[in-house]
Amino acid sequence: MDIPNILVGFLDIVKYVIFAHFIMSWLITFGVLNVYQPIVGQIWGILQRLLEPIYGPIRSVLPNIGGMDLSPLVALFAVIILQGFLSGL
């Protein structure tokens, strides 16, 4: 296995974590999940700590769109583009 294939595999995992965070945030917003439940709160905290270093710089560049956070979408597109680039190597 070479380095680009390992990075593509790692980016696959990152992509699934971003997607899980995105879905979980919607479920929390609509009251399906409650962050005060111990398991949900722990999973949510872990996802927040993992992804905030990625989302933070993106949020500082994006304009404010009335409470809608587009940083997960931008991060997901960036991961997909990076995977495409690495697959071409």
Protein backbone atom coordinates (compact mmCIF):
# COMPACT_ATOMS: atom_id res chain seq x y z
CA MET A 1 0.00 0.00 0.00
CA ASP A 2 1.25 3.44 -0.84
CA ILE A 3 0.70 6.73 0.95
CA PRO A 4 -2.06 8.17 -1.33
CA ASN A 5 -4.20 5.04 -0.86
CA ILE A 6 -3.79 5.23 2.92
CA LEU A 7 -4.79 8.92 2.85
CA VAL A 8 -7.83 8.16 0.68
CA GLY A 9 -8.91 5.52 3.22
CA PHE A 10 -8.42 7.98 6.08
CA LEU A 11 -10.44 10.61 4.21
CA ASP A 12 -13.23 8.04 3.79
CA ILE A 13 -13.40 7.78 7.57
CA VAL A 14 -13.39 11.59 7.89
CA LYS A 15 -16.20 11.78 5.34
CA TYR A 16 -18.35 9.35 7.36
CA VAL A 17 -17.65 11.22 10.61
CA ILE A 18 -18.69 14.53 9.01
CA PHE A 19 -21.83 12.90 7.64
CA ALA A 20 -22.67 11.38 11.06
CA HIS A 21 -22.16 14.78 12.72
CA PHE A 22 -24.39 16.44 10.14
CA ILE A 23 -27.21 13.91 10.61
CA MET A 24 -26.89 13.99 14.39
CA SER A 25 -27.06 17.79 14.45
CA TRP A 26 -30.34 17.69 12.52
CA LEU A 27 -31.75 15.02 14.84
CA ILE A 28 -30.80 17.14 17.85
CA THR A 29 -32.26 20.28 16.27
CA PHE A 30 -35.62 18.58 15.62
CA GLY A 31 -35.78 17.04 19.09
CA VAL A 32 -35.37 13.43 18.03
CA LEU A 33 -32.16 13.14 20.07
CA ASN A 34 -31.49 14.77 23.41
CA VAL A 35 -27.91 15.73 24.28
CA TYR A 36 -28.73 15.33 27.98
CA GLN A 37 -28.94 11.57 27.50
CA PRO A 38 -25.52 10.20 28.52
CA ILE A 39 -24.70 8.23 25.35
CA VAL A 40 -25.96 10.92 22.98
CA GLY A 41 -24.08 13.61 24.92
CA GLN A 42 -20.84 11.63 24.83
CA ILE A 43 -21.08 10.90 21.11
CA TRP A 44 -21.98 14.52 20.37
CA GLY A 45 -19.04 15.79 22.46
CA ILE A 46 -16.59 13.47 20.71
CA LEU A 47 -17.82 14.52 17.27
CA GLN A 48 -17.64 18.20 18.25
CA ARG A 49 -14.05 17.84 19.51
CA LEU A 50 -12.98 15.91 16.41
CA LEU A 51 -14.53 18.24 13.86
CA GLU A 52 -14.21 21.71 15.39
CA PRO A 53 -10.56 22.05 14.22
CA ILE A 54 -11.85 21.48 10.67
CA TYR A 55 -15.01 23.60 10.94
CA GLY A 56 -13.47 26.55 12.80
CA PRO A 57 -11.27 27.90 9.98
CA ILE A 58 -14.07 27.33 7.46
CA ARG A 59 -16.55 29.27 9.63
CA SER A 60 -14.15 32.20 9.86
CA VAL A 61 -14.11 32.48 6.05
CA LEU A 62 -17.80 31.83 5.28
CA PRO A 63 -20.28 34.69 5.53
CA ASN A 64 -23.03 34.51 8.17
CA ILE A 65 -26.15 33.04 6.58
CA GLY A 66 -28.76 33.63 9.27
CA GLY A 67 -27.97 30.82 11.68
CA MET A 68 -27.31 28.18 9.05
CA ASP A 69 -23.90 26.54 9.40
CA LEU A 70 -22.51 25.53 6.01
CA SER A 71 -19.06 24.53 7.28
CA PRO A 72 -19.86 20.77 7.35
CA LEU A 73 -20.95 20.94 3.72
CA VAL A 74 -17.82 22.84 2.69
CA ALA A 75 -15.63 20.41 4.66
CA LEU A 76 -17.34 17.43 3.01
CA PHE A 77 -16.80 18.89 -0.46
CA ALA A 78 -13.16 19.61 0.37
CA VAL A 79 -12.64 16.00 1.51
CA ILE A 80 -14.26 14.68 -1.69
CA ILE A 81 -12.09 16.94 -3.86
CA LEU A 82 -8.96 15.93 -1.95
CA GLN A 83 -9.86 12.27 -2.36
CA GLY A 84 -10.27 12.75 -6.10
CA PHE A 85 -6.90 14.43 -6.31
CA LEU A 86 -5.19 11.69 -4.29
CA SER A 87 -6.86 8.94 -6.31
CA GLY A 88 -5.36 10.43 -9.46
CA LEU A 89 -1.82 10.06 -8.09
